[in-house]
C-alpha atoms as a PDB file:
ATOM      1  CA  MET A   1      97.113  10.436  89.816  1.00  0.00           C
ATOM      2  CA  LEU A   2      99.477  13.404  88.988  1.00  0.00           C
ATOM      3  CA  GLN A   3      98.885  15.478  86.017  1.00  0.00           C
ATOM      4  CA  SER A   4     102.495  15.590  85.342  1.00  0.00           C
ATOM      5  CA  ASN A   5     105.994  14.248  86.332  1.00  0.00           C
ATOM      6  CA  ILE A   6     107.796  15.701  89.367  1.00  0.00           C
ATOM      7  CA  PHE A   7     111.454  16.475  89.211  1.00  0.00           C
ATOM      8  CA  GLY A   8     113.220  17.306  92.515  1.00  0.00           C
ATOM      9  CA  ILE A   9     116.681  18.794  91.984  1.00  0.00           C
ATOM     10  CA  ASP A  10     119.208  19.109  94.660  1.00  0.00           C
ATOM     11  CA  LEU A  11     121.403  22.003  92.942  1.00  0.00           C
ATOM     12  CA  ALA A  12     125.239  22.083  93.137  1.00  0.00           C
ATOM     13  CA  LYS A  13     128.373  23.372  91.494  1.00  0.00           C
ATOM     14  CA  THR A  14     129.174  20.090  89.442  1.00  0.00           C
ATOM     15  CA  VAL A  15     127.300  17.316  90.663  1.00  0.00           C
ATOM     16  CA  PHE A  16     123.382  17.482  90.761  1.00  0.00           C
ATOM     17  CA  GLN A  17     121.248  15.108  92.459  1.00  0.00           C
ATOM     18  CA  VAL A  18     117.847  14.560  90.324  1.00  0.00           C
ATOM     19  CA  CYS A  19     114.934  12.817  91.873  1.00  0.00           C
ATOM     20  CA  GLN A  20     111.956  11.944  89.673  1.00  0.00           C
ATOM     21  CA  ILE A  21     108.550  10.887  90.605  1.00  0.00           C
ATOM     22  CA  SER A  22     105.940   9.591  87.835  1.00  0.00           C
ATOM     23  CA  GLN A  23     102.284  10.544  87.256  1.00  0.00           C
ATOM     24  CA  HIS A  24     101.422   7.578  89.401  1.00  0.00           C
ATOM     25  CA  GLY A  25     103.402   8.767  92.206  1.00  0.00           C
ATOM     26  CA  GLU A  26     106.249   6.097  91.765  1.00  0.00           C
ATOM     27  CA  LEU A  27     109.896   6.923  92.476  1.00  0.00           C
ATOM     28  CA  VAL A  28     111.501   6.765  88.910  1.00  0.00           C
ATOM     29  CA  MET A  29     114.992   7.613  89.642  1.00  0.00           C
ATOM     30  CA  ASN A  30     117.082   9.366  91.979  1.00  0.00           C
ATOM     31  CA  LYS A  31     120.585   9.734  90.725  1.00  0.00           C
ATOM     32  CA  ALA A  32     123.420  12.236  90.498  1.00  0.00           C
ATOM     33  CA  VAL A  33     124.189  13.652  87.000  1.00  0.00           C
ATOM     34  CA  ASN A  34     126.813  16.609  86.001  1.00  0.00           C
ATOM     35  CA  ARG A  35     125.942  19.884  84.613  1.00  0.00           C
ATOM     36  CA  GLN A  36     125.396  18.682  80.893  1.00  0.00           C
ATOM     37  CA  LYS A  37     123.325  15.552  81.645  1.00  0.00           C
ATOM     38  CA  LEU A  38     120.947  17.694  83.559  1.00  0.00           C
ATOM     39  CA  LYS A  39     120.719  20.280  80.851  1.00  0.00           C
ATOM     40  CA  GLU A  40     119.956  17.468  78.500  1.00  0.00           C
ATOM     41  CA  LEU A  41     117.498  15.800  80.742  1.00  0.00           C
ATOM     42  CA  LEU A  42     115.407  19.281  81.264  1.00  0.00           C
ATOM     43  CA  ALA A  43     115.696  19.779  77.491  1.00  0.00           C
ATOM     44  CA  ASN A  44     114.241  16.253  76.640  1.00  0.00           C
ATOM     45  CA  ALA A  45     111.866  15.683  79.235  1.00  0.00           C
ATOM     46  CA  LYS A  46     108.105  16.417  78.729  1.00  0.00           C
ATOM     47  CA  GLN A  47     106.655  19.069  80.602  1.00  0.00           C
ATOM     48  CA  SER A  48     106.834  18.503  84.068  1.00  0.00           C
ATOM     49  CA  ILE A  49     107.110  20.240  87.596  1.00  0.00           C
ATOM     50  CA  VAL A  50     110.730  21.185  88.191  1.00  0.00           C
ATOM     51  CA  ALA A  51     111.207  21.712  92.073  1.00  0.00           C
ATOM     52  CA  ILE A  52     114.558  23.426  93.256  1.00  0.00           C
ATOM     53  CA  GLU A  53     115.506  25.012  96.621  1.00  0.00           C
ATOM     54  CA  GLY A  54     115.724  28.414  97.061  1.00  0.00           C
ATOM     55  CA  CYS A  55     119.810  29.005  96.734  1.00  0.00           C
ATOM     56  CA  GLY A  56     122.485  29.951  94.645  1.00  0.00           C
ATOM     57  CA  SER A  57     121.976  29.481  90.845  1.00  0.00           C
ATOM     58  CA  SER A  58     118.280  28.428  91.470  1.00  0.00           C
ATOM     59  CA  ASN A  59     117.022  31.353  89.334  1.00  0.00           C
ATOM     60  CA  TYR A  60     119.175  30.343  86.427  1.00  0.00           C
ATOM     61  CA  TRP A  61     118.356  27.137  86.462  1.00  0.00           C
ATOM     62  CA  GLY A  62     114.473  27.824  86.773  1.00  0.00           C
ATOM     63  CA  ARG A  63     114.837  30.193  83.830  1.00  0.00           C
ATOM     64  CA  TYR A  64     116.644  27.283  81.932  1.00  0.00           C
ATOM     65  CA  ALA A  65     113.906  25.101  82.485  1.00  0.00           C
ATOM     66  CA  GLU A  66     110.973  27.267  81.895  1.00  0.00           C
ATOM     67  CA  GLN A  67     112.428  27.490  78.115  1.00  0.00           C
ATOM     68  CA  PHE A  68     111.195  23.967  77.642  1.00  0.00           C
ATOM     69  CA  GLY A  69     107.768  24.755  79.045  1.00  0.00           C
ATOM     70  CA  HIS A  70     108.559  23.136  82.587  1.00  0.00           C
ATOM     71  CA  GLU A  71     106.669  24.543  85.728  1.00  0.00           C
ATOM     72  CA  VAL A  72     109.305  25.830  88.143  1.00  0.00           C
ATOM     73  CA  ARG A  73     108.709  25.756  92.096  1.00  0.00           C
ATOM     74  CA  ILE A  74     111.626  27.260  93.991  1.00  0.00           C
ATOM     75  CA  ILE A  75     110.888  26.252  97.542  1.00  0.00           C
ATOM     76  CA  SER A  76     112.330  27.610 100.647  1.00  0.00           C
ATOM     77  CA  PRO A  77     114.884  25.314 102.423  1.00  0.00           C
ATOM     78  CA  LYS A  78     113.110  25.792 105.542  1.00  0.00           C
ATOM     79  CA  LYS A  79     110.148  24.286 104.208  1.00  0.00           C
ATOM     80  CA  VAL A  80     111.895  21.486 102.422  1.00  0.00           C
ATOM     81  CA  LYS A  81     113.593  20.455 105.756  1.00  0.00           C
ATOM     82  CA  GLY A  82     110.146  19.103 107.216  1.00  0.00           C
ATOM     83  CA  PHE A  83     110.117  16.458 104.408  1.00  0.00           C
ATOM     84  CA  LEU A  84     113.487  15.136 104.901  1.00  0.00           C
ATOM     85  CA  GLN A  85     113.556  11.616 105.824  1.00  0.00           C
ATOM     86  CA  GLY A  86     116.749   9.659 107.209  1.00  0.00           C
ATOM     87  CA  GLN A  87     120.119  11.397 107.144  1.00  0.00           C
ATOM     88  CA  LYS A  88     121.276  14.146 105.437  1.00  0.00           C
ATOM     89  CA  THR A  89     122.404  13.137 101.852  1.00  0.00           C
ATOM     90  CA  ASP A  90     122.005  14.365  98.187  1.00  0.00           C
ATOM     91  CA  ALA A  91     119.566  11.758  97.462  1.00  0.00           C
ATOM     92  CA  ASN A  92     117.492  12.354 100.616  1.00  0.00           C
ATOM     93  CA  ASP A  93     117.358  16.143  99.733  1.00  0.00           C
ATOM     94  CA  ALA A  94     116.415  15.662  96.274  1.00  0.00           C
ATOM     95  CA  LEU A  95     113.448  13.141  97.456  1.00  0.00           C
ATOM     96  CA  ALA A  96     112.510  15.890 100.056  1.00  0.00           C
ATOM     97  CA  ILE A  97     112.433  18.587  97.510  1.00  0.00           C
ATOM     98  CA  ALA A  98     110.083  16.409  95.369  1.00  0.00           C
ATOM     99  CA  ASN A  99     107.803  15.568  98.346  1.00  0.00           C
ATOM    100  CA  ALA A 100     107.356  19.176  99.363  1.00  0.00           C
ATOM    101  CA  ALA A 101     106.604  20.167  95.782  1.00  0.00           C
ATOM    102  CA  LEU A 102     103.531  17.798  95.961  1.00  0.00           C
ATOM    103  CA  GLN A 103     102.058  19.326  99.018  1.00  0.00           C
ATOM    104  CA  ILE A 104      98.753  21.405  98.700  1.00  0.00           C
ATOM    105  CA  GLY A 105      98.793  24.806 100.151  1.00  0.00           C
ATOM    106  CA  LEU A 106     102.861  25.174 100.315  1.00  0.00           C
ATOM    107  CA  LYS A 107     104.227  28.316  99.227  1.00  0.00           C
ATOM    108  CA  TYR A 108     106.745  28.512  96.444  1.00  0.00           C
ATOM    109  CA  SER A 109     108.348  31.476  94.499  1.00  0.00           C
ATOM    110  CA  LYS A 110     108.699  31.698  90.565  1.00  0.00           C
ATOM    111  CA  PRO A 111     112.394  32.394  89.044  1.00  0.00           C
ATOM    112  CA  LYS A 112     113.430  35.885  88.647  1.00  0.00           C
ATOM    113  CA  ASN A 113     113.732  37.241  85.164  1.00  0.00           C
ATOM    114  CA  LYS A 114     117.085  38.919  84.159  1.00  0.00           C
ATOM    115  CA  GLU A 115     116.135  42.329  84.639  1.00  0.00           C
ATOM    116  CA  GLN A 116     114.924  41.300  88.338  1.00  0.00           C
ATOM    117  CA  GLN A 117     118.026  39.486  88.932  1.00  0.00           C
ATOM    118  CA  SER A 118     120.390  42.513  87.868  1.00  0.00           C
ATOM    119  CA  LEU A 119     118.527  44.738  89.953  1.00  0.00           C
ATOM    120  CA  GLN A 120     118.638  42.402  92.967  1.00  0.00           C
ATOM    121  CA  SER A 121     122.586  41.763  92.169  1.00  0.00           C
ATOM    122  CA  LEU A 122     123.056  45.456  92.092  1.00  0.00           C
ATOM    123  CA  GLU A 123     121.112  46.251  95.435  1.00  0.00           C
ATOM    124  CA  THR A 124     123.164  43.370  97.328  1.00  0.00           C
ATOM    125  CA  SER A 125     126.455  44.784  95.717  1.00  0.00           C
ATOM    126  CA  ARG A 126     125.494  48.453  96.945  1.00  0.00           C
ATOM    127  CA  VAL A 127     124.566  47.170 100.593  1.00  0.00           C
ATOM    128  CA  PHE A 128     128.041  44.905 100.437  1.00  0.00           C
ATOM    129  CA  LEU A 129     130.114  48.298  99.546  1.00  0.00           C
ATOM    130  CA  SER A 130     128.205  50.293 102.236  1.00  0.00           C
ATOM    131  CA  ARG A 131     128.955  48.140 104.802  1.00  0.00           C
ATOM    132  CA  ASN A 132     132.703  47.723 103.582  1.00  0.00           C
ATOM    133  CA  ILE A 133     132.841  51.485 103.971  1.00  0.00           C
ATOM    134  CA  THR A 134     131.471  51.695 107.544  1.00  0.00           C
ATOM    135  CA  SER A 135     133.506  48.883 108.775  1.00  0.00           C
ATOM    136  CA  LEU A 136     136.940  50.591 107.296  1.00  0.00           C
ATOM    137  CA  GLY A 137     135.753  53.956 108.440  1.00  0.00           C
ATOM    138  CA  ASN A 138     135.330  52.432 112.008  1.00  0.00           C
ATOM    139  CA  HIS A 139     138.670  50.585 111.971  1.00  0.00           C
ATOM    140  CA  ILE A 140     140.303  53.994 110.891  1.00  0.00           C
ATOM    141  CA  ARG A 141     138.611  55.494 113.852  1.00  0.00           C
ATOM    142  CA  ALA A 142     139.418  52.858 116.571  1.00  0.00           C
ATOM    143  CA  MET A 143     143.154  53.027 115.404  1.00  0.00           C
ATOM    144  CA  LEU A 144     143.370  56.801 115.825  1.00  0.00           C
ATOM    145  CA  TYR A 145     141.416  56.407 119.100  1.00  0.00           C
ATOM    146  CA  GLU A 146     144.223  53.998 120.373  1.00  0.00           C
ATOM    147  CA  TYR A 147     146.424  57.106 120.376  1.00  0.00           C
ATOM    148  CA  GLY A 148     144.169  59.689 121.853  1.00  0.00           C
ATOM    149  CA  ILE A 149     142.683  61.003 118.532  1.00  0.00           C
ATOM    150  CA  THR A 150     139.003  61.444 118.682  1.00  0.00           C
ATOM    151  CA  SER A 151     137.071  62.209 115.564  1.00  0.00           C
ATOM    152  CA  ALA A 152     133.425  63.826 115.146  1.00  0.00           C
ATOM    153  CA  ARG A 153     130.713  61.820 113.718  1.00  0.00           C
ATOM    154  CA  GLY A 154     130.109  61.728 109.819  1.00  0.00           C
ATOM    155  CA  VAL A 155     132.732  61.473 106.844  1.00  0.00           C
ATOM    156  CA  LEU A 156     133.830  65.250 107.441  1.00  0.00           C
ATOM    157  CA  GLY A 157     134.850  64.361 110.993  1.00  0.00           C
ATOM    158  CA  LEU A 158     137.076  61.532 109.885  1.00  0.00           C
ATOM    159  CA  LYS A 159     138.354  63.053 107.130  1.00  0.00           C
ATOM    160  CA  LYS A 160     139.450  66.165 109.509  1.00  0.00           C
ATOM    161  CA  ALA A 161     141.122  63.493 112.261  1.00  0.00           C
ATOM    162  CA  VAL A 162     142.877  62.000 109.391  1.00  0.00           C
ATOM    163  CA  GLN A 163     144.239  65.026 107.686  1.00  0.00           C
ATOM    164  CA  ASN A 164     145.299  66.330 111.114  1.00  0.00           C
ATOM    165  CA  THR A 165     147.118  63.161 112.187  1.00  0.00           C
ATOM    166  CA  ILE A 166     148.804  63.123 108.715  1.00  0.00           C
ATOM    167  CA  ASP A 167     150.045  66.931 108.970  1.00  0.00           C
ATOM    168  CA  GLU A 168     151.337  65.997 112.584  1.00  0.00           C
ATOM    169  CA  PRO A 169     153.067  62.601 112.229  1.00  0.00           C
ATOM    170  CA  SER A 170     154.182  62.982 115.704  1.00  0.00           C
ATOM    171  CA  LEU A 171     150.864  61.985 116.991  1.00  0.00           C
ATOM    172  CA  ILE A 172     151.093  58.125 116.217  1.00  0.00           C
ATOM    173  CA  PRO A 173     154.081  56.112 115.720  1.00  0.00           C
ATOM    174  CA  THR A 174     156.080  56.411 112.331  1.00  0.00           C
ATOM    175  CA  CYS A 175     155.580  53.134 111.137  1.00  0.00           C
ATOM    176  CA  LEU A 176     151.871  53.647 111.266  1.00  0.00           C
ATOM    177  CA  ILE A 177     151.801  56.682 108.871  1.00  0.00           C
ATOM    178  CA  SER A 178     152.132  54.751 105.586  1.00  0.00           C
ATOM    179  CA  THR A 179     149.353  52.112 106.733  1.00  0.00           C
ATOM    180  CA  LEU A 180     147.016  54.951 107.498  1.00  0.00           C
ATOM    181  CA  HIS A 181     147.821  56.618 104.159  1.00  0.00           C
ATOM    182  CA  GLN A 182     146.833  53.163 102.606  1.00  0.00           C
ATOM    183  CA  LEU A 183     143.680  52.808 104.602  1.00  0.00           C
ATOM    184  CA  TRP A 184     142.403  56.066 103.672  1.00  0.00           C
ATOM    185  CA  GLU A 185     143.178  55.866 100.206  1.00  0.00           C
ATOM    186  CA  GLN A 186     140.995  52.588 100.150  1.00  0.00           C
ATOM    187  CA  TYR A 187     138.220  54.509 101.905  1.00  0.00           C
ATOM    188  CA  LEU A 188     138.259  57.051  99.406  1.00  0.00           C
ATOM    189  CA  GLU A 189     138.354  54.482  96.297  1.00  0.00           C
ATOM    190  CA  LEU A 190     135.139  52.504  98.154  1.00  0.00           C
ATOM    191  CA  LYS A 191     133.374  56.024  98.455  1.00  0.00           C
ATOM    192  CA  ILE A 192     133.940  56.479  94.819  1.00  0.00           C
ATOM    193  CA  GLU A 193     132.969  52.850  93.531  1.00  0.00           C
ATOM    194  CA  PHE A 194     129.773  53.180  95.952  1.00  0.00           C
ATOM    195  CA  SER A 195     128.543  56.470  94.010  1.00  0.00           C
ATOM    196  CA  GLN A 196     129.336  54.844  90.618  1.00  0.00           C
ATOM    197  CA  LEU A 197     127.236  51.936  91.671  1.00  0.00           C
ATOM    198  CA  GLU A 198     124.538  53.860  92.924  1.00  0.00           C
ATOM    199  CA  LYS A 199     124.412  55.667  89.524  1.00  0.00           C
ATOM    200  CA  THR A 200     124.449  52.451  87.466  1.00  0.00           C
ATOM    201  CA  LYS A 201     121.482  51.044  89.511  1.00  0.00           C
ATOM    202  CA  ASN A 202     119.489  54.340  89.461  1.00  0.00           C
ATOM    203  CA  ALA A 203     120.003  54.548  85.357  1.00  0.00           C
ATOM    204  CA  LEU A 204     118.929  50.919  84.991  1.00  0.00           C
ATOM    205  CA  VAL A 205     115.890  51.505  87.331  1.00  0.00           C
ATOM    206  CA  ARG A 206     114.891  54.553  85.212  1.00  0.00           C
ATOM    207  CA  GLN A 207     115.075  52.726  82.213  1.00  0.00           C
ATOM    208  CA  LEU A 208     112.457  50.018  83.310  1.00  0.00           C
ATOM    209  CA  ASN A 209     108.810  51.042  82.705  1.00  0.00           C
ATOM    210  CA  PRO A 210     107.436  48.955  85.880  1.00  0.00           C
ATOM    211  CA  CYS A 211     110.003  50.657  88.240  1.00  0.00           C
ATOM    212  CA  LYS A 212     109.218  54.127  86.529  1.00  0.00           C
ATOM    213  CA  ASN A 213     105.482  53.674  87.350  1.00  0.00           C
ATOM    214  CA  LEU A 214     106.251  52.500  91.076  1.00  0.00           C
ATOM    215  CA  MET A 215     108.372  55.829  91.728  1.00  0.00           C
ATOM    216  CA  ASP A 216     104.966  57.524  91.534  1.00  0.00           C
ATOM    217  CA  LEU A 217     104.065  55.901  94.893  1.00  0.00           C
ATOM    218  CA  GLU A 218     104.476  57.925  98.116  1.00  0.00           C
ATOM    219  CA  GLY A 219     107.876  57.268  99.808  1.00  0.00           C
ATOM    220  CA  VAL A 220     109.212  55.304  96.806  1.00  0.00           C
ATOM    221  CA  ALA A 221     112.408  56.292  94.870  1.00  0.00           C
ATOM    222  CA  GLU A 222     114.988  54.287  92.984  1.00  0.00           C
ATOM    223  CA  ILE A 223     116.059  52.002  95.716  1.00  0.00           C
ATOM    224  CA  CYS A 224     112.639  50.972  96.986  1.00  0.00           C
ATOM    225  CA  SER A 225     110.966  50.910  93.322  1.00  0.00           C
ATOM    226  CA  GLY A 226     114.094  48.427  92.150  1.00  0.00           C
ATOM    227  CA  MET A 227     113.533  46.336  95.175  1.00  0.00           C
ATOM    228  CA  LEU A 228     109.975  46.093  94.852  1.00  0.00           C
ATOM    229  CA  TYR A 229     110.047  45.033  91.174  1.00  0.00           C
ATOM    230  CA  SER A 230     112.826  42.537  91.929  1.00  0.00           C
ATOM    231  CA  THR A 231     110.874  40.951  94.691  1.00  0.00           C
ATOM    232  CA  ILE A 232     107.361  41.139  93.041  1.00  0.00           C
ATOM    233  CA  GLY A 233     108.064  40.752  89.339  1.00  0.00           C
ATOM    234  CA  ASP A 234     104.936  40.683  87.360  1.00  0.00           C
ATOM    235  CA  GLY A 235     102.767  40.064  90.358  1.00  0.00           C
ATOM    236  CA  LYS A 236     101.352  36.809  88.809  1.00  0.00           C
ATOM    237  CA  GLN A 237     102.717  34.616  91.606  1.00  0.00           C
ATOM    238  CA  PHE A 238     100.465  36.134  94.258  1.00  0.00           C
ATOM    239  CA  LYS A 239      96.760  35.894  94.263  1.00  0.00           C
ATOM    240  CA  SER A 240      96.243  39.465  95.888  1.00  0.00           C
ATOM    241  CA  GLY A 241      97.903  42.360  97.219  1.00  0.00           C
ATOM    242  CA  ARG A 242      97.624  41.090 100.631  1.00  0.00           C
ATOM    243  CA  GLN A 243      99.519  37.929  99.936  1.00  0.00           C
ATOM    244  CA  ALA A 244     102.257  39.933  98.466  1.00  0.00           C
ATOM    245  CA  ALA A 245     102.300  42.322 101.500  1.00  0.00           C
ATOM    246  CA  ALA A 246     102.569  38.850 103.671  1.00  0.00           C
ATOM    247  CA  PHE A 247     105.490  38.043 101.677  1.00  0.00           C
ATOM    248  CA  VAL A 248     107.353  40.884 102.286  1.00  0.00           C
ATOM    249  CA  GLY A 249     106.443  40.895 106.298  1.00  0.00           C
ATOM    250  CA  VAL A 250     104.417  44.154 106.497  1.00  0.00           C
ATOM    251  CA  THR A 251     101.185  42.686 107.449  1.00  0.00           C
ATOM    252  CA  PRO A 252     100.511  41.715 111.394  1.00  0.00           C
ATOM    253  CA  LYS A 253     100.850  38.475 112.755  1.00  0.00           C
ATOM    254  CA  GLN A 254      97.601  36.545 113.271  1.00  0.00           C
ATOM    255  CA  HIS A 255      96.683  33.903 115.984  1.00  0.00           C
ATOM    256  CA  SER A 256      93.178  32.504 115.722  1.00  0.00           C
ATOM    257  CA  SER A 257      91.599  29.811 117.717  1.00  0.00           C
ATOM    258  CA  GLY A 258      88.040  28.704 118.778  1.00  0.00           C
ATOM    259  CA  GLY A 259      86.800  31.493 116.509  1.00  0.00           C
ATOM    260  CA  LYS A 260      88.699  34.430 118.245  1.00  0.00           C
ATOM    261  CA  THR A 261      90.958  36.437 116.064  1.00  0.00           C
ATOM    262  CA  LYS A 262      93.854  38.125 117.539  1.00  0.00           C
ATOM    263  CA  MET A 263      96.348  40.378 115.503  1.00  0.00           C
ATOM    264  CA  THR A 264      99.683  41.191 116.842  1.00  0.00           C
ATOM    265  CA  GLY A 265     102.599  42.908 115.359  1.00  0.00           C
ATOM    266  CA  ILE A 266     104.515  42.262 112.215  1.00  0.00           C
ATOM    267  CA  ILE A 267     107.126  39.720 111.696  1.00  0.00           C
ATOM    268  CA  LYS A 268     110.838  40.904 112.284  1.00  0.00           C
ATOM    269  CA  ASN A 269     112.589  37.925 111.346  1.00  0.00           C
ATOM    270  CA  GLY A 270     110.727  36.627 108.450  1.00  0.00           C
ATOM    271  CA  GLY A 271     109.795  38.276 105.075  1.00  0.00           C
ATOM    272  CA  VAL A 272     111.842  40.386 102.958  1.00  0.00           C
ATOM    273  CA  LYS A 273     114.088  42.440 105.488  1.00  0.00           C
ATOM    274  CA  GLU A 274     115.836  44.652 103.419  1.00  0.00           C
ATOM    275  CA  LEU A 275     112.689  45.601 101.204  1.00  0.00           C
ATOM    276  CA  ARG A 276     110.732  46.109 104.588  1.00  0.00           C
ATOM    277  CA  CYS A 277     113.383  48.462 105.961  1.00  0.00           C
ATOM    278  CA  ALA A 278     113.645  50.486 102.581  1.00  0.00           C
ATOM    279  CA  LEU A 279     109.842  50.933 102.807  1.00  0.00           C
ATOM    280  CA  TYR A 280     109.929  52.045 106.220  1.00  0.00           C
ATOM    281  CA  GLN A 281     112.405  54.579 105.648  1.00  0.00           C
ATOM    282  CA  GLY A 282     110.766  55.761 102.663  1.00  0.00           C
ATOM    283  CA  ALA A 283     107.235  56.026 104.605  1.00  0.00           C
ATOM    284  CA  LEU A 284     109.048  57.792 107.489  1.00  0.00           C
ATOM    285  CA  SER A 285     110.341  60.383 105.088  1.00  0.00           C
ATOM    286  CA  TYR A 286     107.094  60.975 103.477  1.00  0.00           C
ATOM    287  CA  ILE A 287     105.094  61.116 106.801  1.00  0.00           C
ATOM    288  CA  SER A 288     107.513  63.541 108.320  1.00  0.00           C
ATOM    289  CA  ARG A 289     106.886  66.129 105.575  1.00  0.00           C
ATOM    290  CA  LEU A 290     103.131  65.803 105.507  1.00  0.00           C
ATOM    291  CA  PRO A 291     101.551  69.190 104.857  1.00  0.00           C
ATOM    292  CA  ASP A 292      99.308  70.667 107.469  1.00  0.00           C
ATOM    293  CA  GLU A 293      96.376  70.798 104.973  1.00  0.00           C
ATOM    294  CA  PRO A 294      95.935  67.423 102.904  1.00  0.00           C
ATOM    295  CA  ARG A 295      95.679  67.507  99.339  1.00  0.00           C
ATOM    296  CA  THR A 296      94.843  63.927  98.719  1.00  0.00           C
ATOM    297  CA  LEU A 297      92.905  60.942 100.454  1.00  0.00           C
ATOM    298  CA  LYS A 298      96.028  59.439 101.297  1.00  0.00           C
ATOM    299  CA  GLN A 299      97.565  62.302 103.049  1.00  0.00           C
ATOM    300  CA  ALA A 300      94.343  62.935 105.099  1.00  0.00           C
ATOM    301  CA  TRP A 301      94.200  59.185 105.995  1.00  0.00           C
ATOM    302  CA  LEU A 302      97.982  59.141 107.086  1.00  0.00           C
ATOM    303  CA  ILE A 303      97.369  62.176 109.107  1.00  0.00           C
ATOM    304  CA  GLN A 304      94.512  60.713 111.143  1.00  0.00           C
ATOM    305  CA  LEU A 305      96.442  57.532 111.241  1.00  0.00           C
ATOM    306  CA  ARG A 306      99.490  59.407 112.864  1.00  0.00           C
ATOM    307  CA  GLU A 307      97.216  61.017 115.407  1.00  0.00           C
ATOM    308  CA  ARG A 308      95.721  57.929 116.441  1.00  0.00           C
ATOM    309  CA  LEU A 309      98.431  55.386 116.407  1.00  0.00           C
ATOM    310  CA  GLY A 310     101.720  57.407 116.149  1.00  0.00           C
ATOM    311  CA  ILE A 311     104.239  57.836 113.329  1.00  0.00           C
ATOM    312  CA  LYS A 312     105.731  54.188 113.655  1.00  0.00           C
ATOM    313  CA  ARG A 313     102.617  52.522 113.042  1.00  0.00           C
ATOM    314  CA  THR A 314     101.544  54.900 110.690  1.00  0.00           C
ATOM    315  CA  CYS A 315     104.976  54.163 108.609  1.00  0.00           C
ATOM    316  CA  ILE A 316     104.011  50.443 108.863  1.00  0.00           C
ATOM    317  CA  ALA A 317     100.765  51.023 107.439  1.00  0.00           C
ATOM    318  CA  LEU A 318     101.785  52.869 104.669  1.00  0.00           C
ATOM    319  CA  ALA A 319     104.467  50.283 103.760  1.00  0.00           C
ATOM    320  CA  ASN A 320     101.659  47.816 103.578  1.00  0.00           C
ATOM    321  CA  LYS A 321      99.397  49.894 101.277  1.00  0.00           C
ATOM    322  CA  THR A 322     102.539  50.580  99.022  1.00  0.00           C
ATOM    323  CA  VAL A 323     103.021  46.982  98.466  1.00  0.00           C
ATOM    324  CA  ARG A 324      99.516  46.143  97.970  1.00  0.00           C
ATOM    325  CA  THR A 325      99.246  49.125  95.469  1.00  0.00           C
ATOM    326  CA  ALA A 326     102.611  48.263  93.822  1.00  0.00           C
ATOM    327  CA  TRP A 327     101.278  44.691  93.211  1.00  0.00           C
ATOM    328  CA  ALA A 328      98.057  45.991  91.427  1.00  0.00           C
ATOM    329  CA  ILE A 329     100.562  48.330  89.534  1.00  0.00           C
ATOM    330  CA  LEU A 330     102.818  45.529  88.277  1.00  0.00           C
ATOM    331  CA  ARG A 331     100.187  42.842  87.928  1.00  0.00           C
ATOM    332  CA  TYR A 332      97.870  45.016  85.852  1.00  0.00           C
ATOM    333  CA  GLU A 333     100.306  47.183  84.051  1.00  0.00           C
ATOM    334  CA  THR A 334      98.586  50.344  85.426  1.00  0.00           C
ATOM    335  CA  LYS A 335      99.997  53.692  86.555  1.00  0.00           C
ATOM    336  CA  TYR A 336      99.402  55.156  89.831  1.00  0.00           C
ATOM    337  CA  GLN A 337      97.072  58.125  90.105  1.00  0.00           C
ATOM    338  CA  GLN A 338      96.589  60.040  93.675  1.00  0.00           C
ATOM    339  CA  GLN A 339      93.185  60.747  94.466  1.00  0.00           C
ATOM    340  CA  LEU A 340      92.644  64.287  95.264  1.00  0.00           C
ATOM    341  CA  LEU A 341      90.959  65.402  98.252  1.00  0.00           C
ATOM    342  CA  VAL A 342      87.463  67.094  97.135  1.00  0.00           C
ATOM    343  CA  THR A 343      86.720  70.124  99.230  1.00  0.00           C
ATOM    344  CA  GLU A 344      83.533  72.142  99.252  1.00  0.00           C
END
């Protein structure tokens, strides 16, 4: 017998499929409702387990359900897929979500609060603008290259090539001059918008105490601290720092059989790729500037690790330790203090 009801909700824009399983494990209902009916259902139902897939608006509906005392479980769509019976329909999807929430040992996430979701939205927008800038710059380079005009690497090289082309219109057909002007103006506007977005995100990060505490870690600045906070939150959904590091994807893969344990490299397709990449870049920047004479225990550990395993594995080791330390800072609301190296 279950301790509470299970609501498996297949989210959508207007029509939502709701599957309810009673405390006795019986299917109570599996029907489609509109947005208003779903809100009324969550508001009037007694405290239950609300299971939803990790998709668009899942954090919003998760926060809404938590207002009424429900326990929210956001489950990965890949894990729900294994519980799907029959053909793919909204009713079968909702039933699969409810069945997945009943499984022992299944990993699930908690809804992000508004601060975490704001940081995540700003970061995804920052990445989106960065990719657009790179894409537009490559397009301008390719268009000029078709007429034998090459440009050096970087923004300055592209700027010089565009200005030279505009100053000498005979280098390209006359009909392309206005198009080149438009593309270059759009490129400069995107650069300005990207800079303003970074300032907005960094200002928000500096206002949040958890993010300010995370910036005391080695190789962690505004970007990494914001991503760590938006991913880990208050740390209560993870039992330990190792579990948080495994969720991010900075722990080695394990293959154990017959009492023999084999550890391999970290996963490349799973985890939180963007955070893992940012942690690696921050660790690389810090390790590349290590002093010859270490002043802290961590610096001495990193120097020994770099000499023994190389710089890349050392970066992964520092990223792993950073996530574990960040979990402890967020979970217990403490500050990071470096341990000085005691010399006699």
